[in-house]
Amino acid sequence: MDISMIMGVLLIAAGALALVNGANTTEIGPLQMSITEKESVSVPVWAGIGTILIGGVLLLPTRKS
């Protein structure tokens, strides 16, 4: 794996986290977790989608001459 692939995967993960940042309650089977005090930074949806797209572009194969 070269550096561009690693950066692409990290950017996709960061973009996905930015998009799901608004969720503060999670249910997994019989378990329910919730956050009572929430301190976070609001990331615009366009920034999360843009980060995912840039990460996807970095994962595209490049021609090596």
PDB file of N, CA and C in Angstrom:
ATOM      1  N   MET A   1       0.844  -1.189   0.000  1.00  0.00           N
ATOM      2  CA  MET A   1       0.000   0.000   0.000  1.00  0.00           C
ATOM      3  C   MET A   1       0.881   1.241   0.000  1.00  0.00           C
ATOM      4  N   ASP A   2       0.639   2.115  -0.931  1.00  0.00           N
ATOM      5  CA  ASP A   2       1.412   3.348  -0.933  1.00  0.00           C
ATOM      6  C   ASP A   2       0.670   4.436  -0.147  1.00  0.00           C
ATOM      7  N   ILE A   3       1.282   5.576  -0.008  1.00  0.00           N
ATOM      8  CA  ILE A   3       0.761   6.640   0.847  1.00  0.00           C
ATOM      9  C   ILE A   3      -0.573   7.190   0.347  1.00  0.00           C
ATOM     10  N   SER A   4      -0.779   7.218  -0.973  1.00  0.00           N
ATOM     11  CA  SER A   4      -2.041   7.750  -1.489  1.00  0.00           C
ATOM     12  C   SER A   4      -3.205   6.833  -1.142  1.00  0.00           C
ATOM     13  N   MET A   5      -2.988   5.531  -1.141  1.00  0.00           N
ATOM     14  CA  MET A   5      -4.057   4.606  -0.764  1.00  0.00           C
ATOM     15  C   MET A   5      -4.391   4.734   0.721  1.00  0.00           C
ATOM     16  N   ILE A   6      -3.365   4.870   1.532  1.00  0.00           N
ATOM     17  CA  ILE A   6      -3.596   5.029   2.978  1.00  0.00           C
ATOM     18  C   ILE A   6      -4.357   6.325   3.253  1.00  0.00           C
ATOM     19  N   MET A   7      -3.942   7.413   2.599  1.00  0.00           N
ATOM     20  CA  MET A   7      -4.636   8.693   2.773  1.00  0.00           C
ATOM     21  C   MET A   7      -6.074   8.611   2.269  1.00  0.00           C
ATOM     22  N   GLY A   8      -6.298   7.887   1.168  1.00  0.00           N
ATOM     23  CA  GLY A   8      -7.643   7.720   0.637  1.00  0.00           C
ATOM     24  C   GLY A   8      -8.553   7.017   1.620  1.00  0.00           C
ATOM     25  N   VAL A   9      -8.071   5.944   2.217  1.00  0.00           N
ATOM     26  CA  VAL A   9      -8.865   5.199   3.198  1.00  0.00           C
ATOM     27  C   VAL A   9      -9.141   6.065   4.427  1.00  0.00           C
ATOM     28  N   LEU A  10      -8.136   6.796   4.888  1.00  0.00           N
ATOM     29  CA  LEU A  10      -8.324   7.662   6.054  1.00  0.00           C
ATOM     30  C   LEU A  10      -9.320   8.782   5.770  1.00  0.00           C
ATOM     31  N   LEU A  11      -9.264   9.363   4.576  1.00  0.00           N
ATOM     32  CA  LEU A  11     -10.206  10.423   4.224  1.00  0.00           C
ATOM     33  C   LEU A  11     -11.631   9.894   4.115  1.00  0.00           C
ATOM     34  N   ILE A  12     -11.802   8.706   3.561  1.00  0.00           N
ATOM     35  CA  ILE A  12     -13.139   8.113   3.479  1.00  0.00           C
ATOM     36  C   ILE A  12     -13.683   7.847   4.882  1.00  0.00           C
ATOM     37  N   ALA A  13     -12.848   7.331   5.760  1.00  0.00           N
ATOM     38  CA  ALA A  13     -13.285   7.065   7.136  1.00  0.00           C
ATOM     39  C   ALA A  13     -13.641   8.365   7.858  1.00  0.00           C
ATOM     40  N   ALA A  14     -12.824   9.399   7.672  1.00  0.00           N
ATOM     41  CA  ALA A  14     -13.108  10.687   8.320  1.00  0.00           C
ATOM     42  C   ALA A  14     -14.390  11.302   7.783  1.00  0.00           C
ATOM     43  N   GLY A  15     -14.624  11.187   6.481  1.00  0.00           N
ATOM     44  CA  GLY A  15     -15.853  11.713   5.893  1.00  0.00           C
ATOM     45  C   GLY A  15     -17.080  10.974   6.390  1.00  0.00           C
ATOM     46  N   ALA A  16     -16.973   9.670   6.524  1.00  0.00           N
ATOM     47  CA  ALA A  16     -18.092   8.879   7.035  1.00  0.00           C
ATOM     48  C   ALA A  16     -18.395   9.252   8.488  1.00  0.00           C
ATOM     49  N   LEU A  17     -17.355   9.442   9.276  1.00  0.00           N
ATOM     50  CA  LEU A  17     -17.566   9.856  10.667  1.00  0.00           C
ATOM     51  C   LEU A  17     -18.202  11.243  10.752  1.00  0.00           C
ATOM     52  N   ALA A  18     -17.824  12.116   9.837  1.00  0.00           N
ATOM     53  CA  ALA A  18     -18.404  13.459   9.823  1.00  0.00           C
ATOM     54  C   ALA A  18     -19.889  13.407   9.495  1.00  0.00           C
ATOM     55  N   LEU A  19     -20.276  12.481   8.623  1.00  0.00           N
ATOM     56  CA  LEU A  19     -21.684  12.379   8.246  1.00  0.00           C
ATOM     57  C   LEU A  19     -22.548  11.776   9.350  1.00  0.00           C
ATOM     58  N   VAL A  20     -22.001  10.868  10.144  1.00  0.00           N
ATOM     59  CA  VAL A  20     -22.781  10.238  11.214  1.00  0.00           C
ATOM     60  C   VAL A  20     -22.570  10.925  12.553  1.00  0.00           C
ATOM     61  N   ASN A  21     -21.913  12.062  12.567  1.00  0.00           N
ATOM     62  CA  ASN A  21     -21.594  12.782  13.796  1.00  0.00           C
ATOM     63  C   ASN A  21     -22.842  13.192  14.564  1.00  0.00           C
ATOM     64  N   GLY A  22     -23.958  13.385  13.903  1.00  0.00           N
ATOM     65  CA  GLY A  22     -25.165  13.856  14.565  1.00  0.00           C
ATOM     66  C   GLY A  22     -25.856  12.817  15.425  1.00  0.00           C
ATOM     67  N   ALA A  23     -25.531  11.554  15.262  1.00  0.00           N
ATOM     68  CA  ALA A  23     -26.201  10.506  16.035  1.00  0.00           C
ATOM     69  C   ALA A  23     -25.666  10.482  17.460  1.00  0.00           C
ATOM     70  N   ASN A  24     -26.580  10.526  18.446  1.00  0.00           N
ATOM     71  CA  ASN A  24     -26.136  10.468  19.837  1.00  0.00           C
ATOM     72  C   ASN A  24     -26.778   9.324  20.608  1.00  0.00           C
ATOM     73  N   THR A  25     -27.572   8.496  19.940  1.00  0.00           N
ATOM     74  CA  THR A  25     -28.146   7.312  20.562  1.00  0.00           C
ATOM     75  C   THR A  25     -27.951   6.127  19.628  1.00  0.00           C
ATOM     76  N   THR A  26     -27.495   5.009  20.175  1.00  0.00           N
ATOM     77  CA  THR A  26     -27.251   3.817  19.378  1.00  0.00           C
ATOM     78  C   THR A  26     -27.859   2.621  20.073  1.00  0.00           C
ATOM     79  N   GLU A  27     -28.552   1.776  19.301  1.00  0.00           N
ATOM     80  CA  GLU A  27     -29.092   0.532  19.838  1.00  0.00           C
ATOM     81  C   GLU A  27     -28.464  -0.634  19.106  1.00  0.00           C
ATOM     82  N   ILE A  28     -27.869  -1.546  19.856  1.00  0.00           N
ATOM     83  CA  ILE A  28     -27.277  -2.748  19.287  1.00  0.00           C
ATOM     84  C   ILE A  28     -27.900  -3.931  20.018  1.00  0.00           C
ATOM     85  N   GLY A  29     -28.865  -4.555  19.379  1.00  0.00           N
ATOM     86  CA  GLY A  29     -29.567  -5.664  20.008  1.00  0.00           C
ATOM     87  C   GLY A  29     -30.266  -5.178  21.275  1.00  0.00           C
ATOM     88  N   PRO A  30     -30.076  -5.871  22.395  1.00  0.00           N
ATOM     89  CA  PRO A  30     -30.726  -5.438  23.638  1.00  0.00           C
ATOM     90  C   PRO A  30     -30.005  -4.283  24.341  1.00  0.00           C
ATOM     91  N   LEU A  31     -28.846  -3.901  23.849  1.00  0.00           N
ATOM     92  CA  LEU A  31     -28.080  -2.822  24.472  1.00  0.00           C
ATOM     93  C   LEU A  31     -28.460  -1.479  23.864  1.00  0.00           C
ATOM     94  N   GLN A  32     -28.534  -0.468  24.705  1.00  0.00           N
ATOM     95  CA  GLN A  32     -28.783   0.886  24.224  1.00  0.00           C
ATOM     96  C   GLN A  32     -27.769   1.815  24.869  1.00  0.00           C
ATOM     97  N   MET A  33     -27.097   2.604  24.026  1.00  0.00           N
ATOM     98  CA  MET A  33     -26.111   3.552  24.529  1.00  0.00           C
ATOM     99  C   MET A  33     -26.557   4.947  24.124  1.00  0.00           C
ATOM    100  N   SER A  34     -26.398   5.884  25.028  1.00  0.00           N
ATOM    101  CA  SER A  34     -26.718   7.264  24.682  1.00  0.00           C
ATOM    102  C   SER A  34     -25.718   8.196  25.344  1.00  0.00           C
ATOM    103  N   ILE A  35     -25.579   9.364  24.762  1.00  0.00           N
ATOM    104  CA  ILE A  35     -24.655  10.368  25.267  1.00  0.00           C
ATOM    105  C   ILE A  35     -25.474  11.465  25.931  1.00  0.00           C
ATOM    106  N   THR A  36     -25.190  11.739  27.203  1.00  0.00           N
ATOM    107  CA  THR A  36     -25.944  12.777  27.897  1.00  0.00           C
ATOM    108  C   THR A  36     -25.319  14.149  27.697  1.00  0.00           C
ATOM    109  N   GLU A  37     -24.010  14.230  27.731  1.00  0.00           N
ATOM    110  CA  GLU A  37     -23.320  15.497  27.474  1.00  0.00           C
ATOM    111  C   GLU A  37     -22.618  15.382  26.133  1.00  0.00           C
ATOM    112  N   LYS A  38     -22.947  16.275  25.249  1.00  0.00           N
ATOM    113  CA  LYS A  38     -22.386  16.188  23.912  1.00  0.00           C
ATOM    114  C   LYS A  38     -21.573  17.440  23.607  1.00  0.00           C
ATOM    115  N   GLU A  39     -20.301  17.250  23.394  1.00  0.00           N
ATOM    116  CA  GLU A  39     -19.427  18.337  22.979  1.00  0.00           C
ATOM    117  C   GLU A  39     -18.808  17.927  21.655  1.00  0.00           C
ATOM    118  N   SER A  40     -19.204  18.590  20.600  1.00  0.00           N
ATOM    119  CA  SER A  40     -18.674  18.229  19.290  1.00  0.00           C
ATOM    120  C   SER A  40     -18.640  19.452  18.383  1.00  0.00           C
ATOM    121  N   VAL A  41     -17.993  19.277  17.288  1.00  0.00           N
ATOM    122  CA  VAL A  41     -17.893  20.321  16.278  1.00  0.00           C
ATOM    123  C   VAL A  41     -18.840  19.943  15.151  1.00  0.00           C
ATOM    124  N   SER A  42     -19.677  20.867  14.733  1.00  0.00           N
ATOM    125  CA  SER A  42     -20.589  20.593  13.636  1.00  0.00           C
ATOM    126  C   SER A  42     -19.832  20.685  12.316  1.00  0.00           C
ATOM    127  N   VAL A  43     -19.841  19.584  11.594  1.00  0.00           N
ATOM    128  CA  VAL A  43     -19.192  19.535  10.288  1.00  0.00           C
ATOM    129  C   VAL A  43     -20.290  19.571   9.237  1.00  0.00           C
ATOM    130  N   PRO A  44     -20.220  20.486   8.285  1.00  0.00           N
ATOM    131  CA  PRO A  44     -21.251  20.546   7.249  1.00  0.00           C
ATOM    132  C   PRO A  44     -21.293  19.261   6.420  1.00  0.00           C
ATOM    133  N   VAL A  45     -22.481  18.927   5.945  1.00  0.00           N
ATOM    134  CA  VAL A  45     -22.645  17.710   5.152  1.00  0.00           C
ATOM    135  C   VAL A  45     -21.785  17.769   3.896  1.00  0.00           C
ATOM    136  N   TRP A  46     -21.701  18.943   3.277  1.00  0.00           N
ATOM    137  CA  TRP A  46     -20.906  19.051   2.047  1.00  0.00           C
ATOM    138  C   TRP A  46     -19.435  18.744   2.310  1.00  0.00           C
ATOM    139  N   ALA A  47     -18.941  19.062   3.503  1.00  0.00           N
ATOM    140  CA  ALA A  47     -17.541  18.787   3.825  1.00  0.00           C
ATOM    141  C   ALA A  47     -17.318  17.279   3.985  1.00  0.00           C
ATOM    142  N   GLY A  48     -18.269  16.600   4.613  1.00  0.00           N
ATOM    143  CA  GLY A  48     -18.152  15.149   4.757  1.00  0.00           C
ATOM    144  C   GLY A  48     -18.205  14.441   3.421  1.00  0.00           C
ATOM    145  N   ILE A  49     -19.124  14.859   2.550  1.00  0.00           N
ATOM    146  CA  ILE A  49     -19.241  14.245   1.228  1.00  0.00           C
ATOM    147  C   ILE A  49     -17.998  14.559   0.394  1.00  0.00           C
ATOM    148  N   GLY A  50     -17.511  15.781   0.476  1.00  0.00           N
ATOM    149  CA  GLY A  50     -16.305  16.153  -0.258  1.00  0.00           C
ATOM    150  C   GLY A  50     -15.101  15.353   0.182  1.00  0.00           C
ATOM    151  N   THR A  51     -14.986  15.111   1.474  1.00  0.00           N
ATOM    152  CA  THR A  51     -13.866  14.330   1.997  1.00  0.00           C
ATOM    153  C   THR A  51     -13.930  12.894   1.482  1.00  0.00           C
ATOM    154  N   ILE A  52     -15.133  12.332   1.443  1.00  0.00           N
ATOM    155  CA  ILE A  52     -15.297  10.971   0.923  1.00  0.00           C
ATOM    156  C   ILE A  52     -14.928  10.925  -0.559  1.00  0.00           C
ATOM    157  N   LEU A  53     -15.355  11.924  -1.325  1.00  0.00           N
ATOM    158  CA  LEU A  53     -15.043  11.952  -2.759  1.00  0.00           C
ATOM    159  C   LEU A  53     -13.544  12.091  -3.011  1.00  0.00           C
ATOM    160  N   ILE A  54     -12.886  12.955  -2.254  1.00  0.00           N
ATOM    161  CA  ILE A  54     -11.436  13.118  -2.423  1.00  0.00           C
ATOM    162  C   ILE A  54     -10.713  11.818  -2.065  1.00  0.00           C
ATOM    163  N   GLY A  55     -11.172  11.152  -1.004  1.00  0.00           N
ATOM    164  CA  GLY A  55     -10.576   9.864  -0.641  1.00  0.00           C
ATOM    165  C   GLY A  55     -10.773   8.832  -1.727  1.00  0.00           C
ATOM    166  N   GLY A  56     -11.952   8.837  -2.359  1.00  0.00           N
ATOM    167  CA  GLY A  56     -12.208   7.913  -3.459  1.00  0.00           C
ATOM    168  C   GLY A  56     -11.315   8.176  -4.658  1.00  0.00           C
ATOM    169  N   VAL A  57     -11.081   9.448  -4.944  1.00  0.00           N
ATOM    170  CA  VAL A  57     -10.191   9.799  -6.060  1.00  0.00           C
ATOM    171  C   VAL A  57      -8.777   9.307  -5.774  1.00  0.00           C
ATOM    172  N   LEU A  58      -8.340   9.408  -4.537  1.00  0.00           N
ATOM    173  CA  LEU A  58      -6.991   8.936  -4.191  1.00  0.00           C
ATOM    174  C   LEU A  58      -6.851   7.424  -4.323  1.00  0.00           C
ATOM    175  N   LEU A  59      -7.974   6.708  -4.217  1.00  0.00           N
ATOM    176  CA  LEU A  59      -7.920   5.252  -4.341  1.00  0.00           C
ATOM    177  C   LEU A  59      -7.947   4.772  -5.784  1.00  0.00           C
ATOM    178  N   LEU A  60      -8.260   5.666  -6.724  1.00  0.00           N
ATOM    179  CA  LEU A  60      -8.280   5.268  -8.126  1.00  0.00           C
ATOM    180  C   LEU A  60      -6.878   4.899  -8.569  1.00  0.00           C
ATOM    181  N   PRO A  61      -6.791   3.874  -9.426  1.00  0.00           N
ATOM    182  CA  PRO A  61      -5.456   3.481  -9.901  1.00  0.00           C
ATOM    183  C   PRO A  61      -4.855   4.570 -10.798  1.00  0.00           C
ATOM    184  N   THR A  62      -3.568   4.763 -10.670  1.00  0.00           N
ATOM    185  CA  THR A  62      -2.881   5.757 -11.494  1.00  0.00           C
ATOM    186  C   THR A  62      -1.994   5.045 -12.505  1.00  0.00           C
ATOM    187  N   ARG A  63      -1.798   5.695 -13.641  1.00  0.00           N
ATOM    188  CA  ARG A  63      -0.903   5.123 -14.659  1.00  0.00           C
ATOM    189  C   ARG A  63       0.536   5.441 -14.311  1.00  0.00           C
ATOM    190  N   LYS A  64       1.345   4.432 -14.355  1.00  0.00           N
ATOM    191  CA  LYS A  64       2.771   4.631 -14.116  1.00  0.00           C
ATOM    192  C   LYS A  64       3.505   4.296 -15.399  1.00  0.00           C
ATOM    193  N   SER A  65       4.137   5.293 -15.972  1.00  0.00           N
ATOM    194  CA  SER A  65       4.827   5.087 -17.252  1.00  0.00           C
ATOM    195  C   SER A  65       6.247   4.626 -17.049  1.00  0.00           C
TER     196      SER A  65
END
